Amino acid sequence: MKKAIWISIGILLAVAVIILNVKRSDSGVKVRVQKIKRTNLVSIVEGTGEIKPTKNVEISADISGKIVKIGVREGDRVKKGQFLLQIDPSLYRAELESAQASLKATEAQLIQSEAAYEIARKNYERAKKLFSKGIISQEEFLKAEADFKSSLSSLKALKFRIKQNEAQVRSAKEKLKKTLITSPVDGVVTSLNVEEGEVAIIGTMNNPGTILLTVADLSQMQAEVWVDETDIVKVRKGQKATVEVDAFPEEKFHGVVTEVGSSPQQETTALSSSQEQAKEYKVVIVLKGDVSKLKPGLTATAKIQVARAQNVLAVPISSLVVRKVKGKEKEGVFVVEGGVAKFRPIEKGIMGEMKVEVRSGLKDGDQVIIGPFKVLRVLRDGQKVRVEKKFRRK
């Protein structure tokens, strides 16, 4: 008897579940909707990199020699023309003295040569007159002429040698001057790479030479960031950008794009093969406003405003789906019409951070289905739906 009762109760419960499911099926699946309306959109491209000074001067030696004195330390503020370091000048001072001595010796020879030239010129002029009157022989005349030409040639040679000696003196003075290294700009010594007693080496084709120190103007800073190849085509000079620095998470720095790289930097990731390389392009953003707290090398993320759209229809990116229409895949959204989901293909415009512009396919006031994702994934055109009131968005 009891068994029969329990069987009856089970049958009633099963019937109740079936009836409930039928009612639910008739009322449609639960969806969340949002009424489409006009808004302003900003399309953003992101890049990561680091903060650098706009003016960053790496100072190298123009001559070789031992560093005998350093007048600054890393972190010191310097003015343009301020003493930085001294390379041993003794060798170059000796070269200058030698060049000056050679010049004086040549100038002394020039005085003698000018006197000899003047005598030879007068002898030649007198011989030419005497020869024309038949007083002296042709042989005597030719000898006077030869002496004159020889003295003239010697005089010209000495004048050329003096110019050469003067050039050597100027070169020696310039080399001696280069032993004293001063700051080319106002700024801060951001790196000091040498110590007293080290030898500075000038650069060659195969050797870049010694970078002695770096002076940067920290009053003007920029962000050098790297942008993926899929986004770099949207970036242009003059676009505004917001830069976030990891060291100052609560602050945002604003700037303008001043340089867009045309050659990529290729990086092979640890998980990729040698054939799969990520390509990124350098973008330089000059920062505006107070940048006194920023330091070179700080990690930065830039959000570059590559496009704007005013007063346009937009839908959440999460509402976009792909469905087949007449055998072709179309991107669009579902809207609610009379308790039924209707698929609407759309033409997209710019992409904002959370929304995308709709250029055609929708109108003001349309109720767009925005979720849940598991429903949107399998939702069919013409399927019955019911809106969850607590998730109805305006």
Protein backbone atom coordinates (compact mmCIF):
# COMPACT_ATOMS: atom_id res chain seq x y z
CA MET A 1 0.00 0.00 0.00
CA LYS A 2 2.76 2.40 1.02
CA LYS A 3 4.69 1.49 -2.13
CA ALA A 4 1.73 2.49 -4.31
CA ILE A 5 1.46 5.81 -2.52
CA TRP A 6 5.16 6.62 -3.10
CA ILE A 7 4.82 5.70 -6.78
CA SER A 8 1.87 8.06 -7.13
CA ILE A 9 3.77 10.89 -5.48
CA GLY A 10 6.73 10.33 -7.83
CA ILE A 11 4.48 10.44 -10.89
CA LEU A 12 2.88 13.71 -9.70
CA LEU A 13 6.32 15.30 -9.15
CA ALA A 14 7.49 14.25 -12.61
CA VAL A 15 4.36 15.72 -14.18
CA ALA A 16 4.88 18.94 -12.23
CA VAL A 17 8.49 19.24 -13.49
CA ILE A 18 7.38 18.64 -17.08
CA ILE A 19 4.64 21.26 -16.79
CA LEU A 20 7.10 23.75 -15.26
CA ASN A 21 9.63 23.17 -18.03
CA VAL A 22 6.94 23.59 -20.66
CA LYS A 23 5.89 26.87 -19.11
CA ARG A 24 9.48 28.04 -18.99
CA SER A 25 10.01 26.97 -22.57
CA ASP A 26 6.91 28.84 -23.63
CA SER A 27 8.03 32.01 -21.84
CA GLY A 28 11.54 31.89 -23.43
CA VAL A 29 15.09 32.01 -22.13
CA LYS A 30 16.16 34.71 -19.69
CA VAL A 31 18.24 37.50 -21.18
CA ARG A 32 19.67 40.83 -20.10
CA VAL A 33 19.08 43.81 -22.36
CA GLN A 34 20.29 47.38 -22.76
CA LYS A 35 18.53 50.15 -24.61
CA ILE A 36 20.79 51.53 -27.33
CA LYS A 37 21.47 55.25 -27.22
CA ARG A 38 23.88 57.81 -28.54
CA THR A 39 27.20 58.50 -26.82
CA ASN A 40 30.76 59.71 -27.38
CA LEU A 41 33.50 57.16 -28.07
CA VAL A 42 37.28 57.29 -27.97
CA SER A 43 39.35 54.58 -29.65
CA ILE A 44 42.48 53.69 -27.69
CA VAL A 45 45.75 52.00 -28.70
CA GLU A 46 48.03 50.86 -25.87
CA GLY A 47 51.79 50.54 -25.70
CA THR A 48 54.29 49.80 -22.94
CA GLY A 49 57.81 51.13 -22.51
CA GLU A 50 59.74 53.49 -20.25
CA ILE A 51 60.23 57.11 -19.29
CA LYS A 52 63.21 58.89 -20.84
CA PRO A 53 64.48 62.48 -20.89
CA THR A 54 63.71 64.40 -24.07
CA LYS A 55 67.31 65.68 -24.06
CA ASN A 56 69.73 62.91 -23.17
CA VAL A 57 73.37 63.59 -24.08
CA GLU A 58 75.90 60.75 -23.99
CA ILE A 59 79.34 62.35 -23.70
CA SER A 60 82.25 60.51 -25.32
CA ALA A 61 85.91 61.43 -25.60
CA ASP A 62 87.13 63.04 -28.83
CA ILE A 63 90.72 62.19 -27.89
CA SER A 64 92.40 59.31 -26.08
CA GLY A 65 94.11 59.69 -22.73
CA LYS A 66 94.09 58.96 -19.02
CA ILE A 67 91.35 60.60 -16.96
CA VAL A 68 93.15 62.61 -14.28
CA LYS A 69 90.24 64.45 -12.65
CA ILE A 70 86.47 64.07 -12.36
CA GLY A 71 84.49 67.06 -11.08
CA VAL A 72 80.98 65.61 -10.74
CA ARG A 73 79.14 62.63 -9.30
CA GLU A 74 76.10 60.75 -10.51
CA GLY A 75 72.96 62.71 -9.63
CA ASP A 76 74.66 66.13 -9.63
CA ARG A 77 72.93 69.03 -11.34
CA VAL A 78 75.15 70.83 -13.85
CA LYS A 79 74.98 73.97 -15.96
CA LYS A 80 75.96 74.31 -19.60
CA GLY A 81 79.73 74.85 -19.78
CA GLN A 82 80.40 73.45 -16.27
CA PHE A 83 83.55 71.36 -15.78
CA LEU A 84 82.93 67.59 -15.86
CA LEU A 85 86.31 65.87 -16.19
CA GLN A 86 89.90 66.29 -17.35
CA ILE A 87 91.93 64.04 -19.63
CA ASP A 88 95.73 64.18 -19.12
CA PRO A 89 96.79 67.21 -21.21
CA SER A 90 100.59 66.73 -21.03
CA LEU A 91 100.94 64.90 -24.35
CA TYR A 92 98.73 67.36 -26.21
CA ARG A 93 100.43 70.35 -24.60
CA ALA A 94 103.77 68.98 -25.87
CA GLU A 95 102.29 68.57 -29.36
CA LEU A 96 101.14 72.19 -29.28
CA GLU A 97 104.56 73.43 -28.18
CA SER A 98 106.23 71.40 -30.95
CA ALA A 99 103.85 72.79 -33.56
CA GLN A 100 104.39 76.36 -32.34
CA ALA A 101 108.19 75.88 -32.47
CA SER A 102 108.00 74.58 -36.04
CA LEU A 103 105.90 77.58 -36.99
CA LYS A 104 108.43 80.03 -35.51
CA ALA A 105 111.33 78.30 -37.28
CA THR A 106 109.52 78.46 -40.60
CA GLU A 107 108.67 82.14 -40.05
CA ALA A 108 112.40 82.82 -39.47
CA GLN A 109 113.24 81.02 -42.71
CA LEU A 110 110.61 83.08 -44.45
CA ILE A 111 112.34 86.33 -43.42
CA GLN A 112 115.61 85.07 -44.92
CA SER A 113 113.84 83.85 -48.05
CA GLU A 114 112.11 87.20 -48.54
CA ALA A 115 115.46 89.00 -48.32
CA ALA A 116 117.07 86.59 -50.83
CA TYR A 117 114.09 87.00 -53.13
CA GLU A 118 114.33 90.78 -53.03
CA ILE A 119 118.06 90.66 -53.97
CA ALA A 120 117.41 88.17 -56.79
CA ARG A 121 114.54 90.31 -58.11
CA LYS A 122 116.64 93.44 -58.25
CA ASN A 123 119.54 91.58 -59.91
CA TYR A 124 117.17 90.19 -62.49
CA GLU A 125 115.65 93.62 -63.25
CA ARG A 126 119.15 95.13 -63.67
CA ALA A 127 120.37 92.22 -65.83
CA LYS A 128 117.32 92.53 -68.06
CA LYS A 129 118.11 96.22 -68.74
CA LEU A 130 121.82 95.57 -69.32
CA PHE A 131 121.09 92.65 -71.62
CA SER A 132 118.74 94.77 -73.71
CA LYS A 133 121.58 97.28 -74.21
CA GLY A 134 124.09 94.54 -75.07
CA ILE A 135 126.25 95.26 -72.02
CA ILE A 136 126.10 91.72 -70.59
CA SER A 137 126.03 88.37 -72.28
CA GLN A 138 122.95 86.17 -72.64
CA GLU A 139 124.51 83.65 -70.26
CA GLU A 140 124.73 86.23 -67.49
CA PHE A 141 121.15 87.31 -68.10
CA LEU A 142 119.84 83.72 -67.97
CA LYS A 143 121.68 83.08 -64.72
CA ALA A 144 120.09 86.17 -63.12
CA GLU A 145 116.68 85.04 -64.36
CA ALA A 146 117.19 81.50 -62.96
CA ASP A 147 118.27 82.88 -59.55
CA PHE A 148 115.13 85.05 -59.44
CA LYS A 149 112.77 82.16 -60.28
CA SER A 150 114.49 79.89 -57.75
CA SER A 151 114.13 82.46 -54.94
CA LEU A 152 110.47 83.03 -55.87
CA SER A 153 109.79 79.29 -55.74
CA SER A 154 111.50 79.00 -52.34
CA LEU A 155 109.45 81.91 -51.01
CA LYS A 156 106.17 80.36 -52.13
CA ALA A 157 107.15 76.99 -50.63
CA LEU A 158 107.88 78.60 -47.27
CA LYS A 159 104.55 80.46 -47.30
CA PHE A 160 102.74 77.13 -47.92
CA ARG A 161 104.76 75.52 -45.12
CA ILE A 162 103.74 78.33 -42.76
CA LYS A 163 100.07 77.69 -43.56
CA GLN A 164 100.66 74.00 -42.83
CA ASN A 165 102.37 74.84 -39.53
CA GLU A 166 99.54 77.20 -38.58
CA ALA A 167 97.04 74.39 -39.25
CA GLN A 168 99.09 72.06 -37.04
CA VAL A 169 99.06 74.65 -34.27
CA ARG A 170 95.28 75.05 -34.55
CA SER A 171 94.84 71.25 -34.50
CA ALA A 172 97.09 70.92 -31.44
CA LYS A 173 95.20 73.71 -29.65
CA GLU A 174 91.90 71.98 -30.44
CA LYS A 175 93.17 68.64 -29.11
CA LEU A 176 94.43 70.33 -25.94
CA LYS A 177 91.08 72.05 -25.55
CA LYS A 178 89.30 68.68 -25.83
CA THR A 179 91.15 67.34 -22.80
CA LEU A 180 88.84 69.57 -20.74
CA ILE A 181 85.27 68.21 -20.97
CA THR A 182 82.37 70.45 -19.99
CA SER A 183 78.60 69.96 -19.98
CA PRO A 184 76.91 70.74 -23.32
CA VAL A 185 73.50 71.34 -21.64
CA ASP A 186 71.86 72.19 -18.35
CA GLY A 187 70.76 68.98 -16.66
CA VAL A 188 71.52 66.12 -14.29
CA VAL A 189 74.36 63.60 -14.48
CA THR A 190 72.29 60.42 -14.85
CA SER A 191 75.25 58.06 -15.29
CA LEU A 192 79.00 58.25 -14.67
CA ASN A 193 80.79 55.36 -16.34
CA VAL A 194 84.46 56.08 -15.60
CA GLU A 195 86.81 56.69 -12.68
CA GLU A 196 90.01 58.66 -12.30
CA GLY A 197 92.93 56.69 -13.73
CA GLU A 198 90.93 54.99 -16.47
CA VAL A 199 91.85 55.54 -20.12
CA ALA A 200 89.29 57.16 -22.40
CA ILE A 201 89.24 55.64 -25.88
CA ILE A 202 87.89 57.38 -28.98
CA GLY A 203 85.51 55.49 -31.26
CA THR A 204 86.47 53.77 -34.50
CA MET A 205 84.57 51.80 -37.12
CA ASN A 206 84.85 48.62 -35.05
CA ASN A 207 84.95 50.18 -31.58
CA PRO A 208 82.23 52.53 -30.36
CA GLY A 209 84.59 54.22 -27.90
CA THR A 210 84.14 55.15 -24.24
CA ILE A 211 80.92 56.81 -23.13
CA LEU A 212 82.22 58.82 -20.19
CA LEU A 213 78.97 60.03 -18.71
CA THR A 214 75.40 61.01 -19.55
CA VAL A 215 73.75 64.36 -18.88
CA ALA A 216 69.98 64.61 -19.17
CA ASP A 217 67.55 67.52 -18.97
CA LEU A 218 64.99 66.09 -16.53
CA SER A 219 62.66 69.08 -16.91
CA GLN A 220 61.46 67.63 -20.23
CA MET A 221 60.45 63.98 -20.22
CA GLN A 222 58.94 61.60 -22.75
CA ALA A 223 57.55 58.10 -22.84
CA GLU A 224 59.05 55.72 -25.39
CA VAL A 225 56.57 52.89 -25.82
CA TRP A 226 56.24 49.93 -28.17
CA VAL A 227 52.99 49.36 -30.08
CA ASP A 228 51.94 46.11 -31.76
CA GLU A 229 52.02 45.96 -35.56
CA THR A 230 48.22 45.50 -35.71
CA ASP A 231 47.69 48.89 -34.02
CA ILE A 232 50.61 51.02 -35.24
CA VAL A 233 48.81 51.91 -38.51
CA LYS A 234 46.29 53.90 -36.44
CA VAL A 235 48.89 56.01 -34.64
CA ARG A 236 49.74 59.48 -35.98
CA LYS A 237 51.84 62.44 -34.87
CA GLY A 238 49.87 64.96 -32.84
CA GLN A 239 47.49 62.44 -31.24
CA LYS A 240 46.83 62.89 -27.52
CA ALA A 241 47.87 60.23 -25.04
CA THR A 242 47.54 59.41 -21.36
CA VAL A 243 50.57 57.81 -19.71
CA GLU A 244 50.42 55.74 -16.53
CA VAL A 245 53.64 55.08 -14.59
CA ASP A 246 53.89 52.01 -12.37
CA ALA A 247 55.69 53.99 -9.67
CA PHE A 248 52.77 56.45 -9.40
CA PRO A 249 49.61 54.31 -9.80
CA GLU A 250 47.25 57.08 -8.69
CA GLU A 251 48.46 59.64 -11.25
CA LYS A 252 48.05 60.10 -14.98
CA PHE A 253 50.41 62.10 -17.18
CA HIS A 254 49.25 63.66 -20.43
CA GLY A 255 51.21 64.12 -23.63
CA VAL A 256 51.29 64.24 -27.42
CA VAL A 257 52.70 61.77 -29.95
CA THR A 258 55.76 63.34 -31.58
CA GLU A 259 57.37 60.34 -33.31
CA VAL A 260 56.06 57.14 -34.89
CA GLY A 261 58.66 54.53 -35.80
CA SER A 262 58.80 53.14 -39.33
CA SER A 263 60.99 50.11 -38.58
CA PRO A 264 59.95 47.31 -36.22
CA GLN A 265 61.75 45.86 -33.25
CA GLN A 266 61.40 42.09 -33.42
CA GLU A 267 61.27 39.99 -30.27
CA THR A 268 61.15 36.22 -30.20
CA THR A 269 59.19 34.97 -27.20
CA ALA A 270 60.31 31.95 -25.18
CA LEU A 271 57.30 29.95 -26.34
CA SER A 272 57.57 30.84 -29.99
CA SER A 273 59.74 29.33 -32.68
CA SER A 274 62.37 31.33 -34.54
CA GLN A 275 59.82 31.81 -37.33
CA GLU A 276 57.18 33.37 -35.04
CA GLN A 277 58.22 36.84 -33.97
CA ALA A 278 56.20 39.63 -32.40
CA LYS A 279 56.76 42.92 -34.22
CA GLU A 280 56.47 46.20 -32.37
CA TYR A 281 57.08 49.82 -33.37
CA LYS A 282 58.43 52.65 -31.24
CA VAL A 283 56.18 55.59 -30.45
CA VAL A 284 57.48 58.69 -28.64
CA ILE A 285 55.10 60.73 -26.47
CA VAL A 286 56.32 64.07 -25.09
CA LEU A 287 54.78 64.68 -21.67
CA LYS A 288 53.19 67.99 -20.68
CA GLY A 289 52.84 69.61 -17.28
CA ASP A 290 54.83 68.88 -14.12
CA VAL A 291 57.16 65.91 -14.66
CA SER A 292 59.63 66.72 -11.87
CA LYS A 293 58.93 63.47 -9.98
CA LEU A 294 59.60 61.22 -12.99
CA LYS A 295 62.92 59.45 -13.37
CA PRO A 296 64.53 57.87 -16.46
CA GLY A 297 63.81 54.16 -16.79
CA LEU A 298 60.45 54.05 -15.00
CA THR A 299 58.01 51.59 -16.59
CA ALA A 300 55.14 53.31 -18.39
CA THR A 301 51.93 52.35 -20.18
CA ALA A 302 50.49 54.74 -22.75
CA LYS A 303 46.91 54.97 -23.98
CA ILE A 304 46.92 56.79 -27.30
CA GLN A 305 43.67 58.34 -28.55
CA VAL A 306 43.69 57.29 -32.21
CA ALA A 307 40.05 58.16 -33.09
CA ARG A 308 36.98 59.95 -31.69
CA ALA A 309 33.30 59.70 -32.51
CA GLN A 310 30.73 62.17 -31.17
CA ASN A 311 27.02 61.43 -30.58
CA VAL A 312 26.97 58.00 -32.20
CA LEU A 313 25.03 54.80 -31.54
CA ALA A 314 27.09 52.27 -29.64
CA VAL A 315 26.64 48.78 -28.16
CA PRO A 316 28.72 46.84 -25.62
CA ILE A 317 31.48 44.80 -27.24
CA SER A 318 30.22 41.78 -25.28
CA SER A 319 26.91 41.86 -27.18
CA LEU A 320 28.54 41.16 -30.58
CA VAL A 321 27.88 37.72 -32.09
CA VAL A 322 28.43 36.02 -35.45
CA ARG A 323 25.59 34.22 -37.23
CA LYS A 324 25.00 32.89 -40.73
CA VAL A 325 22.71 34.94 -42.95
CA LYS A 326 21.90 33.43 -46.34
CA GLY A 327 24.91 31.15 -46.04
CA LYS A 328 27.36 33.93 -45.11
CA GLU A 329 28.69 34.75 -41.67
CA LYS A 330 27.67 38.18 -40.45
CA GLU A 331 28.61 40.08 -37.30
CA GLY A 332 25.77 41.69 -35.42
CA VAL A 333 23.63 41.76 -32.29
CA PHE A 334 20.32 40.38 -31.07
CA VAL A 335 17.48 42.76 -30.26
CA VAL A 336 14.20 41.96 -28.48
CA GLU A 337 11.04 42.46 -30.52
CA GLY A 338 7.73 41.25 -29.10
CA GLY A 339 9.37 38.74 -26.79
CA VAL A 340 11.48 37.28 -29.61
CA ALA A 341 15.24 37.59 -30.29
CA LYS A 342 15.95 39.09 -33.71
CA PHE A 343 19.45 39.00 -35.21
CA ARG A 344 20.55 42.31 -36.74
CA PRO A 345 23.74 42.47 -38.84
CA ILE A 346 25.56 45.77 -38.17
CA GLU A 347 28.29 47.92 -39.68
CA LYS A 348 30.89 48.77 -37.04
CA GLY A 349 32.75 52.04 -36.62
CA ILE A 350 35.48 52.83 -34.12
CA MET A 351 36.12 50.59 -31.14
CA GLY A 352 36.05 52.15 -27.66
CA GLU A 353 37.29 50.52 -24.47
CA MET A 354 33.94 48.84 -23.69
CA LYS A 355 31.69 49.78 -26.59
CA VAL A 356 31.77 49.78 -30.38
CA GLU A 357 30.19 52.32 -32.74
CA VAL A 358 27.24 51.11 -34.83
CA ARG A 359 27.04 52.90 -38.18
CA SER A 360 24.07 50.95 -39.55
CA GLY A 361 21.72 48.14 -38.57
CA LEU A 362 20.26 49.64 -35.38
CA LYS A 363 18.25 52.67 -34.30
CA ASP A 364 17.74 54.68 -31.13
CA GLY A 365 15.79 52.79 -28.49
CA ASP A 366 16.45 49.26 -29.75
CA GLN A 367 16.64 46.73 -26.91
CA VAL A 368 19.97 44.94 -27.45
CA ILE A 369 20.60 41.60 -25.73
CA ILE A 370 23.87 41.87 -23.80
CA GLY A 371 23.94 38.56 -21.92
CA PRO A 372 24.35 36.15 -20.32
CA PHE A 373 27.25 34.96 -22.48
CA LYS A 374 26.18 31.30 -22.35
CA VAL A 375 22.77 32.34 -23.76
CA LEU A 376 24.20 34.64 -26.45
CA ARG A 377 26.54 31.90 -27.57
CA VAL A 378 23.64 29.60 -28.63
CA LEU A 379 20.78 32.08 -29.11
CA ARG A 380 18.87 31.66 -32.38
CA ASP A 381 17.08 34.17 -34.57
CA GLY A 382 13.36 34.05 -33.70
CA GLN A 383 13.84 32.32 -30.34
CA LYS A 384 11.54 33.37 -27.51
CA VAL A 385 13.17 35.37 -24.73
CA ARG A 386 12.15 37.04 -21.51
CA VAL A 387 13.96 39.99 -20.03
CA GLU A 388 15.31 39.84 -16.50
CA LYS A 389 13.92 43.07 -15.09
CA LYS A 390 16.64 43.57 -12.50
CA PHE A 391 19.23 43.51 -15.33
CA ARG A 392 17.31 45.80 -17.66
CA ARG A 393 19.69 48.66 -18.49
CA LYS A 394 18.79 52.04 -19.89
